[in-house]
């Protein structure tokens, strides 16, 4: 954890930024180049000593060729002045995390002026993750690398708690599947995954409306809300208005359908807002009807 003065005195910056900018990219770029130079990525891409006595560093050409195949959107050589897209940077960091190890110096080869190396995989990964996450935290970026080197998105704590502890027991397998898939995909850094999570959440909403007995979908939906709050109460009326509003949103925006008359969502903030609004509503319904939440 950072021990910078501003963190101690004012608290860590809220992790609200979901785009890696030029300044942060320059820092990440330097971390990566440093580890190419000190041989850390020789864990996966060892450069062999010319006399055949073992590895002595990182084989940078091999590193770059495999990187180009596994992350084809990245340019090589990396430059601090050319900013890749944020998802591509996160792929790059995962690639680096999969290759890194802590170099351990062995015998000194005086003729070539280098040491023969071995690597401590766990120590190298832990240090790389710590260094990357420090830069993320100091710049208020809503991503982190996990201890296994996978990039994940950070959510506001109340949302993260609600998503992390939610249990889906609707009694209908497809509805449970949609809710669980929505939860998992919403955590992705990729906007397309979060849009897919939003679609699945709206599909689950439509299915929930039909789980109670009734002559038609409207009667079933009313019966569902009546189980959450007594008919005629202010809260029941509020639930009814919110259900109607959410239905209108689903029909007006490009969430479940793609007609030309529907308005597209144009930013991650819009997707996140609608997801958290719908999830909060569904959680109340699920808890109020004994279906998890």
C-alpha atoms as a PDB file:
ATOM      1  CA  UNK A   1       0.000   0.000   0.000  1.00  0.00           C
ATOM      2  CA  UNK A   2       1.188   3.519  -0.806  1.00  0.00           C
ATOM      3  CA  UNK A   3       2.647   5.593   2.040  1.00  0.00           C
ATOM      4  CA  UNK A   4       2.499   8.916   0.194  1.00  0.00           C
ATOM      5  CA  UNK A   5       1.666  11.979   2.269  1.00  0.00           C
ATOM      6  CA  UNK A   6      -1.499  12.794   0.348  1.00  0.00           C
ATOM      7  CA  UNK A   7      -2.862   9.280   0.863  1.00  0.00           C
ATOM      8  CA  UNK A   8      -2.232   9.493   4.604  1.00  0.00           C
ATOM      9  CA  UNK A   9      -3.589  12.993   5.046  1.00  0.00           C
ATOM     10  CA  UNK A  10      -6.452  13.111   2.569  1.00  0.00           C
ATOM     11  CA  UNK A  11      -7.227   9.471   1.829  1.00  0.00           C
ATOM     12  CA  UNK A  12      -6.759   7.404  -1.305  1.00  0.00           C
ATOM     13  CA  UNK A  13      -8.358   8.901  -4.414  1.00  0.00           C
ATOM     14  CA  UNK A  14     -11.741   7.362  -5.270  1.00  0.00           C
ATOM     15  CA  UNK A  15     -11.379   4.795  -8.038  1.00  0.00           C
ATOM     16  CA  UNK A  16     -13.813   6.387 -10.485  1.00  0.00           C
ATOM     17  CA  UNK A  17     -11.814   6.745 -13.717  1.00  0.00           C
ATOM     18  CA  UNK A  18     -12.232   3.975 -16.293  1.00  0.00           C
ATOM     19  CA  UNK A  19      -9.886   5.257 -19.021  1.00  0.00           C
ATOM     20  CA  UNK A  20      -6.099   5.057 -18.781  1.00  0.00           C
ATOM     21  CA  UNK A  21      -4.647   8.402 -19.843  1.00  0.00           C
ATOM     22  CA  UNK A  22      -1.281   9.396 -21.326  1.00  0.00           C
ATOM     23  CA  UNK A  23       0.390  10.053 -17.969  1.00  0.00           C
ATOM     24  CA  UNK A  24      -0.605   6.718 -16.442  1.00  0.00           C
ATOM     25  CA  UNK A  25       0.297   4.898 -19.651  1.00  0.00           C
ATOM     26  CA  UNK A  26       3.775   6.460 -19.533  1.00  0.00           C
ATOM     27  CA  UNK A  27       4.246   5.079 -16.019  1.00  0.00           C
ATOM     28  CA  UNK A  28       3.047   1.598 -16.977  1.00  0.00           C
ATOM     29  CA  UNK A  29       5.245   1.711 -20.082  1.00  0.00           C
ATOM     30  CA  UNK A  30       8.258   2.437 -17.889  1.00  0.00           C
ATOM     31  CA  UNK A  31       7.440  -0.435 -15.523  1.00  0.00           C
ATOM     32  CA  UNK A  32       7.311  -2.832 -18.470  1.00  0.00           C
ATOM     33  CA  UNK A  33      10.538  -1.596 -20.082  1.00  0.00           C
ATOM     34  CA  UNK A  34      12.348  -1.786 -16.763  1.00  0.00           C
ATOM     35  CA  UNK A  35      11.397  -5.440 -16.416  1.00  0.00           C
ATOM     36  CA  UNK A  36      12.448  -6.223 -19.955  1.00  0.00           C
ATOM     37  CA  UNK A  37      15.795  -4.616 -19.151  1.00  0.00           C
ATOM     38  CA  UNK A  38      16.402  -6.365 -15.834  1.00  0.00           C
ATOM     39  CA  UNK A  39      15.425  -9.773 -17.215  1.00  0.00           C
ATOM     40  CA  UNK A  40      12.189 -10.226 -15.235  1.00  0.00           C
ATOM     41  CA  UNK A  41      10.280 -11.486 -18.268  1.00  0.00           C
ATOM     42  CA  UNK A  42      12.971 -14.091 -18.829  1.00  0.00           C
ATOM     43  CA  UNK A  43      10.776 -16.247 -16.572  1.00  0.00           C
ATOM     44  CA  UNK A  44       8.776 -17.039 -19.723  1.00  0.00           C
ATOM     45  CA  UNK A  45      11.143 -15.696 -22.414  1.00  0.00           C
ATOM     46  CA  UNK A  46      14.697 -16.530 -21.322  1.00  0.00           C
ATOM     47  CA  UNK A  47      17.649 -15.213 -23.286  1.00  0.00           C
ATOM     48  CA  UNK A  48      20.272 -17.949 -23.432  1.00  0.00           C
ATOM     49  CA  UNK A  49      23.913 -17.214 -22.794  1.00  0.00           C
ATOM     50  CA  UNK A  50      26.009 -17.614 -25.960  1.00  0.00           C
ATOM     51  CA  UNK A  51      28.226 -20.227 -24.344  1.00  0.00           C
ATOM     52  CA  UNK A  52      25.218 -22.436 -23.524  1.00  0.00           C
ATOM     53  CA  UNK A  53      25.605 -22.230 -19.744  1.00  0.00           C
ATOM     54  CA  UNK A  54      22.028 -21.085 -19.100  1.00  0.00           C
ATOM     55  CA  UNK A  55      19.752 -18.059 -19.283  1.00  0.00           C
ATOM     56  CA  UNK A  56      21.067 -14.571 -18.679  1.00  0.00           C
ATOM     57  CA  UNK A  57      18.126 -12.234 -19.287  1.00  0.00           C
ATOM     58  CA  UNK A  58      14.936 -11.651 -21.264  1.00  0.00           C
ATOM     59  CA  UNK A  59      14.707 -12.506 -24.947  1.00  0.00           C
ATOM     60  CA  UNK A  60      13.020  -9.234 -25.991  1.00  0.00           C
ATOM     61  CA  UNK A  61      12.385 -10.271 -29.632  1.00  0.00           C
ATOM     62  CA  UNK A  62      10.633 -13.457 -28.480  1.00  0.00           C
ATOM     63  CA  UNK A  63       8.650 -11.429 -25.948  1.00  0.00           C
ATOM     64  CA  UNK A  64       7.508  -8.988 -28.647  1.00  0.00           C
ATOM     65  CA  UNK A  65       6.600 -11.666 -31.194  1.00  0.00           C
ATOM     66  CA  UNK A  66       4.422 -13.645 -28.793  1.00  0.00           C
ATOM     67  CA  UNK A  67       2.899 -10.426 -27.445  1.00  0.00           C
ATOM     68  CA  UNK A  68       1.955  -9.403 -30.986  1.00  0.00           C
ATOM     69  CA  UNK A  69       0.220 -12.745 -31.521  1.00  0.00           C
ATOM     70  CA  UNK A  70      -1.577 -12.857 -28.160  1.00  0.00           C
ATOM     71  CA  UNK A  71      -2.464  -9.141 -28.041  1.00  0.00           C
ATOM     72  CA  UNK A  72      -2.644  -8.257 -31.761  1.00  0.00           C
ATOM     73  CA  UNK A  73      -3.922  -4.707 -31.137  1.00  0.00           C
ATOM     74  CA  UNK A  74      -0.715  -3.592 -29.418  1.00  0.00           C
ATOM     75  CA  UNK A  75       1.979  -1.799 -31.363  1.00  0.00           C
ATOM     76  CA  UNK A  76       5.644  -2.696 -31.051  1.00  0.00           C
ATOM     77  CA  UNK A  77       7.958  -1.288 -30.045  1.00  0.00           C
ATOM     78  CA  UNK A  78       5.971   0.269 -27.238  1.00  0.00           C
ATOM     79  CA  UNK A  79       6.264   4.033 -27.021  1.00  0.00           C
ATOM     80  CA  UNK A  80       5.280   6.330 -24.180  1.00  0.00           C
ATOM     81  CA  UNK A  81       3.776   8.840 -26.630  1.00  0.00           C
ATOM     82  CA  UNK A  82       1.364   6.440 -28.386  1.00  0.00           C
ATOM     83  CA  UNK A  83      -1.522   5.611 -26.052  1.00  0.00           C
ATOM     84  CA  UNK A  84      -3.225   2.226 -26.679  1.00  0.00           C
ATOM     85  CA  UNK A  85      -6.905   1.749 -25.905  1.00  0.00           C
ATOM     86  CA  UNK A  86      -7.557   0.947 -22.243  1.00  0.00           C
ATOM     87  CA  UNK A  87      -8.691  -2.694 -22.827  1.00  0.00           C
ATOM     88  CA  UNK A  88      -5.533  -3.286 -24.876  1.00  0.00           C
ATOM     89  CA  UNK A  89      -3.357  -1.916 -22.050  1.00  0.00           C
ATOM     90  CA  UNK A  90      -5.113  -4.262 -19.619  1.00  0.00           C
ATOM     91  CA  UNK A  91      -4.446  -7.201 -21.970  1.00  0.00           C
ATOM     92  CA  UNK A  92      -0.803  -6.119 -22.130  1.00  0.00           C
ATOM     93  CA  UNK A  93      -0.559  -6.033 -18.336  1.00  0.00           C
ATOM     94  CA  UNK A  94      -2.064  -9.524 -18.079  1.00  0.00           C
ATOM     95  CA  UNK A  95       0.442 -10.764 -20.671  1.00  0.00           C
ATOM     96  CA  UNK A  96       3.299  -9.238 -18.666  1.00  0.00           C
ATOM     97  CA  UNK A  97       1.947 -10.676 -15.418  1.00  0.00           C
ATOM     98  CA  UNK A  98       1.958 -14.119 -17.035  1.00  0.00           C
ATOM     99  CA  UNK A  99       5.615 -13.763 -18.015  1.00  0.00           C
ATOM    100  CA  UNK A 100       7.198 -12.084 -14.999  1.00  0.00           C
ATOM    101  CA  UNK A 101       9.452 -13.514 -12.330  1.00  0.00           C
ATOM    102  CA  UNK A 102      11.933 -12.063  -9.829  1.00  0.00           C
ATOM    103  CA  UNK A 103      15.432 -12.496 -11.340  1.00  0.00           C
ATOM    104  CA  UNK A 104      17.892 -14.318  -9.089  1.00  0.00           C
ATOM    105  CA  UNK A 105      21.566 -13.837  -9.923  1.00  0.00           C
ATOM    106  CA  UNK A 106      23.682 -16.942 -10.149  1.00  0.00           C
ATOM    107  CA  UNK A 107      27.260 -17.245 -11.366  1.00  0.00           C
ATOM    108  CA  UNK A 108      28.943 -14.221 -12.934  1.00  0.00           C
ATOM    109  CA  UNK A 109      30.118 -14.630 -16.519  1.00  0.00           C
ATOM    110  CA  UNK A 110      33.029 -12.205 -16.770  1.00  0.00           C
ATOM    111  CA  UNK A 111      33.597 -12.637 -20.522  1.00  0.00           C
ATOM    112  CA  UNK A 112      30.135 -11.363 -21.419  1.00  0.00           C
ATOM    113  CA  UNK A 113      29.764  -9.210 -18.305  1.00  0.00           C
ATOM    114  CA  UNK A 114      26.476 -10.733 -17.141  1.00  0.00           C
ATOM    115  CA  UNK A 115      25.067 -13.049 -14.510  1.00  0.00           C
ATOM    116  CA  UNK A 116      23.331 -16.308 -15.201  1.00  0.00           C
ATOM    117  CA  UNK A 117      19.775 -16.075 -13.905  1.00  0.00           C
ATOM    118  CA  UNK A 118      16.977 -18.098 -12.403  1.00  0.00           C
ATOM    119  CA  UNK A 119      13.566 -16.744 -11.410  1.00  0.00           C
ATOM    120  CA  UNK A 120      11.198 -16.683  -8.453  1.00  0.00           C
ATOM    121  CA  UNK A 121       7.811 -16.645 -10.162  1.00  0.00           C
ATOM    122  CA  UNK A 122       5.673 -15.840  -7.097  1.00  0.00           C
ATOM    123  CA  UNK A 123       7.856 -12.992  -5.862  1.00  0.00           C
ATOM    124  CA  UNK A 124       8.113 -11.442  -9.317  1.00  0.00           C
ATOM    125  CA  UNK A 125       4.369 -11.585  -9.904  1.00  0.00           C
ATOM    126  CA  UNK A 126       3.602 -10.119  -6.470  1.00  0.00           C
ATOM    127  CA  UNK A 127       5.987  -7.223  -7.032  1.00  0.00           C
ATOM    128  CA  UNK A 128       4.639  -6.497 -10.520  1.00  0.00           C
ATOM    129  CA  UNK A 129       1.037  -6.546  -9.285  1.00  0.00           C
ATOM    130  CA  UNK A 130       1.945  -4.225  -6.396  1.00  0.00           C
ATOM    131  CA  UNK A 131       3.700  -1.747  -8.684  1.00  0.00           C
ATOM    132  CA  UNK A 132       0.864  -1.656 -11.225  1.00  0.00           C
ATOM    133  CA  UNK A 133      -1.835  -1.320  -8.571  1.00  0.00           C
ATOM    134  CA  UNK A 134       0.044   1.534  -6.922  1.00  0.00           C
ATOM    135  CA  UNK A 135      -0.096   3.487 -10.188  1.00  0.00           C
ATOM    136  CA  UNK A 136      -3.783   2.665 -10.597  1.00  0.00           C
ATOM    137  CA  UNK A 137      -4.606   3.827  -7.065  1.00  0.00           C
ATOM    138  CA  UNK A 138      -2.588   7.027  -7.276  1.00  0.00           C
ATOM    139  CA  UNK A 139      -4.404   7.978 -10.470  1.00  0.00           C
ATOM    140  CA  UNK A 140      -7.909   7.082  -9.264  1.00  0.00           C
ATOM    141  CA  UNK A 141      -8.329   4.406 -11.918  1.00  0.00           C
ATOM    142  CA  UNK A 142     -11.078   1.842 -11.337  1.00  0.00           C
ATOM    143  CA  UNK A 143      -8.991  -1.209 -12.248  1.00  0.00           C
ATOM    144  CA  UNK A 144      -6.594  -3.492 -10.447  1.00  0.00           C
ATOM    145  CA  UNK A 145      -4.561  -6.601 -11.060  1.00  0.00           C
ATOM    146  CA  UNK A 146      -5.517  -9.544  -8.889  1.00  0.00           C
ATOM    147  CA  UNK A 147      -2.901 -11.639  -7.116  1.00  0.00           C
ATOM    148  CA  UNK A 148      -2.967 -14.004 -10.113  1.00  0.00           C
ATOM    149  CA  UNK A 149      -2.328 -11.165 -12.564  1.00  0.00           C
ATOM    150  CA  UNK A 150      -5.820 -10.766 -13.998  1.00  0.00           C
ATOM    151  CA  UNK A 151      -7.210  -7.280 -14.601  1.00  0.00           C
ATOM    152  CA  UNK A 152     -10.589  -6.524 -13.085  1.00  0.00           C
ATOM    153  CA  UNK A 153     -12.783  -3.487 -12.698  1.00  0.00           C
ATOM    154  CA  UNK A 154     -13.345  -1.912  -9.307  1.00  0.00           C
ATOM    155  CA  UNK A 155     -16.889  -0.943  -8.392  1.00  0.00           C
ATOM    156  CA  UNK A 156     -18.071   1.579  -5.788  1.00  0.00           C
ATOM    157  CA  UNK A 157     -18.062  -0.296  -2.488  1.00  0.00           C
ATOM    158  CA  UNK A 158     -21.850  -0.399  -1.917  1.00  0.00           C
ATOM    159  CA  UNK A 159     -22.356  -1.762  -5.440  1.00  0.00           C
ATOM    160  CA  UNK A 160     -19.509  -4.248  -5.032  1.00  0.00           C
ATOM    161  CA  UNK A 161     -20.975  -5.479  -1.738  1.00  0.00           C
ATOM    162  CA  UNK A 162     -24.450  -5.905  -3.213  1.00  0.00           C
ATOM    163  CA  UNK A 163     -23.149  -7.773  -6.258  1.00  0.00           C
ATOM    164  CA  UNK A 164     -20.673  -9.860  -4.301  1.00  0.00           C
ATOM    165  CA  UNK A 165     -23.149 -11.151  -1.727  1.00  0.00           C
ATOM    166  CA  UNK A 166     -26.269 -11.518  -3.868  1.00  0.00           C
ATOM    167  CA  UNK A 167     -27.791 -15.006  -4.046  1.00  0.00           C
ATOM    168  CA  UNK A 168     -30.193 -15.897  -6.843  1.00  0.00           C
ATOM    169  CA  UNK A 169     -32.826 -18.521  -5.960  1.00  0.00           C
ATOM    170  CA  UNK A 170     -35.779 -17.570  -8.113  1.00  0.00           C
ATOM    171  CA  UNK A 171     -36.975 -21.156  -8.580  1.00  0.00           C
ATOM    172  CA  UNK A 172     -36.496 -20.808 -12.333  1.00  0.00           C
ATOM    173  CA  UNK A 173     -33.149 -21.955 -13.702  1.00  0.00           C
ATOM    174  CA  UNK A 174     -32.973 -19.623 -16.693  1.00  0.00           C
ATOM    175  CA  UNK A 175     -33.698 -16.554 -14.579  1.00  0.00           C
ATOM    176  CA  UNK A 176     -30.978 -17.571 -12.119  1.00  0.00           C
ATOM    177  CA  UNK A 177     -28.569 -18.081 -15.031  1.00  0.00           C
ATOM    178  CA  UNK A 178     -29.311 -14.651 -16.489  1.00  0.00           C
ATOM    179  CA  UNK A 179     -28.833 -12.928 -13.137  1.00  0.00           C
ATOM    180  CA  UNK A 180     -25.546 -14.697 -12.450  1.00  0.00           C
ATOM    181  CA  UNK A 181     -24.245 -14.029 -15.963  1.00  0.00           C
ATOM    182  CA  UNK A 182     -25.187 -10.356 -15.608  1.00  0.00           C
ATOM    183  CA  UNK A 183     -23.302 -10.102 -12.321  1.00  0.00           C
ATOM    184  CA  UNK A 184     -20.141 -11.693 -13.669  1.00  0.00           C
ATOM    185  CA  UNK A 185     -20.042  -9.765 -16.946  1.00  0.00           C
ATOM    186  CA  UNK A 186     -20.704  -6.430 -15.272  1.00  0.00           C
ATOM    187  CA  UNK A 187     -17.349  -6.755 -13.497  1.00  0.00           C
ATOM    188  CA  UNK A 188     -15.506  -6.834 -16.836  1.00  0.00           C
ATOM    189  CA  UNK A 189     -13.384  -3.860 -17.933  1.00  0.00           C
ATOM    190  CA  UNK A 190     -14.808  -4.315 -21.460  1.00  0.00           C
ATOM    191  CA  UNK A 191     -17.755  -2.029 -22.256  1.00  0.00           C
ATOM    192  CA  UNK A 192     -19.262  -4.673 -24.562  1.00  0.00           C
ATOM    193  CA  UNK A 193     -19.327  -7.154 -21.677  1.00  0.00           C
ATOM    194  CA  UNK A 194     -21.092  -4.620 -19.451  1.00  0.00           C
ATOM    195  CA  UNK A 195     -23.626  -3.888 -22.192  1.00  0.00           C
ATOM    196  CA  UNK A 196     -24.249  -7.631 -22.418  1.00  0.00           C
ATOM    197  CA  UNK A 197     -24.662  -7.714 -18.624  1.00  0.00           C
ATOM    198  CA  UNK A 198     -27.278  -4.969 -18.922  1.00  0.00           C
ATOM    199  CA  UNK A 199     -29.176  -6.935 -21.554  1.00  0.00           C
ATOM    200  CA  UNK A 200     -29.160 -10.072 -19.428  1.00  0.00           C
ATOM    201  CA  UNK A 201     -30.382  -8.115 -16.403  1.00  0.00           C
ATOM    202  CA  UNK A 202     -33.318  -6.727 -18.394  1.00  0.00           C
ATOM    203  CA  UNK A 203     -34.099 -10.234 -19.688  1.00  0.00           C
ATOM    204  CA  UNK A 204     -34.152 -11.475 -16.082  1.00  0.00           C
ATOM    205  CA  UNK A 205     -36.509  -8.607 -15.172  1.00  0.00           C
ATOM    206  CA  UNK A 206     -38.957  -9.655 -17.873  1.00  0.00           C
ATOM    207  CA  UNK A 207     -38.842 -13.280 -16.718  1.00  0.00           C
ATOM    208  CA  UNK A 208     -39.354 -12.325 -13.070  1.00  0.00           C
ATOM    209  CA  UNK A 209     -42.628 -10.672 -14.050  1.00  0.00           C
ATOM    210  CA  UNK A 210     -44.031 -14.079 -15.018  1.00  0.00           C
ATOM    211  CA  UNK A 211     -43.023 -16.170 -11.977  1.00  0.00           C
ATOM    212  CA  UNK A 212     -46.165 -15.511  -9.898  1.00  0.00           C
ATOM    213  CA  UNK A 213     -49.583 -17.034 -10.721  1.00  0.00           C
ATOM    214  CA  UNK A 214     -51.932 -14.849 -12.763  1.00  0.00           C
ATOM    215  CA  UNK A 215     -54.202 -14.687 -15.777  1.00  0.00           C
ATOM    216  CA  UNK A 216     -51.682 -12.663 -17.799  1.00  0.00           C
ATOM    217  CA  UNK A 217     -48.287 -10.996 -17.503  1.00  0.00           C
ATOM    218  CA  UNK A 218     -49.746  -7.793 -16.016  1.00  0.00           C
ATOM    219  CA  UNK A 219     -51.555  -9.733 -13.308  1.00  0.00           C
ATOM    220  CA  UNK A 220     -48.436 -11.798 -12.607  1.00  0.00           C
ATOM    221  CA  UNK A 221     -46.305  -8.658 -12.323  1.00  0.00           C
ATOM    222  CA  UNK A 222     -48.808  -7.054  -9.937  1.00  0.00           C
ATOM    223  CA  UNK A 223     -48.852 -10.208  -7.817  1.00  0.00           C
ATOM    224  CA  UNK A 224     -45.042 -10.113  -7.662  1.00  0.00           C
ATOM    225  CA  UNK A 225     -45.000  -6.527  -6.383  1.00  0.00           C
ATOM    226  CA  UNK A 226     -47.872  -7.238  -3.950  1.00  0.00           C
ATOM    227  CA  UNK A 227     -45.625  -9.789  -2.239  1.00  0.00           C
ATOM    228  CA  UNK A 228     -42.978  -7.123  -1.663  1.00  0.00           C
ATOM    229  CA  UNK A 229     -45.241  -4.366  -0.318  1.00  0.00           C
ATOM    230  CA  UNK A 230     -48.910  -4.320   0.690  1.00  0.00           C
ATOM    231  CA  UNK A 231     -51.291  -3.052  -2.001  1.00  0.00           C
ATOM    232  CA  UNK A 232     -52.350   0.542  -1.448  1.00  0.00           C
ATOM    233  CA  UNK A 233     -49.196   1.558   0.432  1.00  0.00           C
ATOM    234  CA  UNK A 234     -46.906   4.291  -0.759  1.00  0.00           C
ATOM    235  CA  UNK A 235     -43.995   1.902  -1.198  1.00  0.00           C
ATOM    236  CA  UNK A 236     -46.101  -0.451  -3.328  1.00  0.00           C
ATOM    237  CA  UNK A 237     -47.077   2.484  -5.522  1.00  0.00           C
ATOM    238  CA  UNK A 238     -43.401   3.493  -5.799  1.00  0.00           C
ATOM    239  CA  UNK A 239     -42.465  -0.057  -6.854  1.00  0.00           C
ATOM    240  CA  UNK A 240     -45.162   0.003  -9.510  1.00  0.00           C
ATOM    241  CA  UNK A 241     -43.927   3.294 -10.921  1.00  0.00           C
ATOM    242  CA  UNK A 242     -40.330   2.087 -10.942  1.00  0.00           C
ATOM    243  CA  UNK A 243     -41.300  -1.161 -12.704  1.00  0.00           C
ATOM    244  CA  UNK A 244     -43.178   0.831 -15.350  1.00  0.00           C
ATOM    245  CA  UNK A 245     -40.277   3.261 -15.773  1.00  0.00           C
ATOM    246  CA  UNK A 246     -37.760   0.438 -16.145  1.00  0.00           C
ATOM    247  CA  UNK A 247     -39.965  -1.268 -18.720  1.00  0.00           C
ATOM    248  CA  UNK A 248     -40.084   2.002 -20.677  1.00  0.00           C
ATOM    249  CA  UNK A 249     -36.306   2.358 -20.462  1.00  0.00           C
ATOM    250  CA  UNK A 250     -35.868  -1.159 -21.817  1.00  0.00           C
ATOM    251  CA  UNK A 251     -38.148  -0.391 -24.736  1.00  0.00           C
ATOM    252  CA  UNK A 252     -36.730   3.067 -25.471  1.00  0.00           C
ATOM    253  CA  UNK A 253     -32.979   2.370 -25.370  1.00  0.00           C
ATOM    254  CA  UNK A 254     -30.929  -0.209 -27.225  1.00  0.00           C
ATOM    255  CA  UNK A 255     -30.717  -2.727 -24.424  1.00  0.00           C
ATOM    256  CA  UNK A 256     -32.735  -5.792 -25.404  1.00  0.00           C
ATOM    257  CA  UNK A 257     -33.685  -4.781 -28.957  1.00  0.00           C
ATOM    258  CA  UNK A 258     -31.949  -3.047 -31.852  1.00  0.00           C
ATOM    259  CA  UNK A 259     -34.646  -1.250 -33.798  1.00  0.00           C
ATOM    260  CA  UNK A 260     -33.596   2.003 -35.451  1.00  0.00           C
ATOM    261  CA  UNK A 261     -36.076   3.899 -33.288  1.00  0.00           C
ATOM    262  CA  UNK A 262     -34.231   2.968 -30.101  1.00  0.00           C
ATOM    263  CA  UNK A 263     -31.576   5.266 -28.704  1.00  0.00           C
ATOM    264  CA  UNK A 264     -28.103   3.825 -28.191  1.00  0.00           C
ATOM    265  CA  UNK A 265     -26.291   4.180 -24.880  1.00  0.00           C
ATOM    266  CA  UNK A 266     -23.214   6.266 -25.583  1.00  0.00           C
ATOM    267  CA  UNK A 267     -20.977   6.010 -22.519  1.00  0.00           C
ATOM    268  CA  UNK A 268     -19.893   3.538 -19.818  1.00  0.00           C
ATOM    269  CA  UNK A 269     -21.473   5.821 -17.208  1.00  0.00           C
ATOM    270  CA  UNK A 270     -24.899   5.394 -18.821  1.00  0.00           C
ATOM    271  CA  UNK A 271     -24.528   1.598 -18.868  1.00  0.00           C
ATOM    272  CA  UNK A 272     -23.346   1.540 -15.256  1.00  0.00           C
ATOM    273  CA  UNK A 273     -26.176   3.791 -14.087  1.00  0.00           C
ATOM    274  CA  UNK A 274     -28.902   1.698 -15.689  1.00  0.00           C
ATOM    275  CA  UNK A 275     -27.355  -1.546 -14.456  1.00  0.00           C
ATOM    276  CA  UNK A 276     -27.113  -0.386 -10.842  1.00  0.00           C
ATOM    277  CA  UNK A 277     -30.639   1.077 -10.976  1.00  0.00           C
ATOM    278  CA  UNK A 278     -32.121  -2.157 -12.311  1.00  0.00           C
ATOM    279  CA  UNK A 279     -30.046  -4.351 -10.006  1.00  0.00           C
ATOM    280  CA  UNK A 280     -31.171  -2.379  -6.952  1.00  0.00           C
ATOM    281  CA  UNK A 281     -34.810  -2.818  -7.989  1.00  0.00           C
ATOM    282  CA  UNK A 282     -34.444  -6.538  -8.682  1.00  0.00           C
ATOM    283  CA  UNK A 283     -32.652  -7.083  -5.384  1.00  0.00           C
ATOM    284  CA  UNK A 284     -35.608  -5.590  -3.491  1.00  0.00           C
ATOM    285  CA  UNK A 285     -37.975  -7.861  -5.448  1.00  0.00           C
ATOM    286  CA  UNK A 286     -35.866 -10.953  -4.878  1.00  0.00           C
ATOM    287  CA  UNK A 287     -35.483 -10.334  -1.147  1.00  0.00           C
ATOM    288  CA  UNK A 288     -39.132  -9.381  -0.734  1.00  0.00           C
ATOM    289  CA  UNK A 289     -40.365 -12.582  -2.380  1.00  0.00           C
ATOM    290  CA  UNK A 290     -37.874 -14.976  -0.755  1.00  0.00           C
ATOM    291  CA  UNK A 291     -35.915 -15.552  -3.937  1.00  0.00           C
ATOM    292  CA  UNK A 292     -32.480 -14.499  -2.717  1.00  0.00           C
ATOM    293  CA  UNK A 293     -31.103 -11.041  -3.346  1.00  0.00           C
END
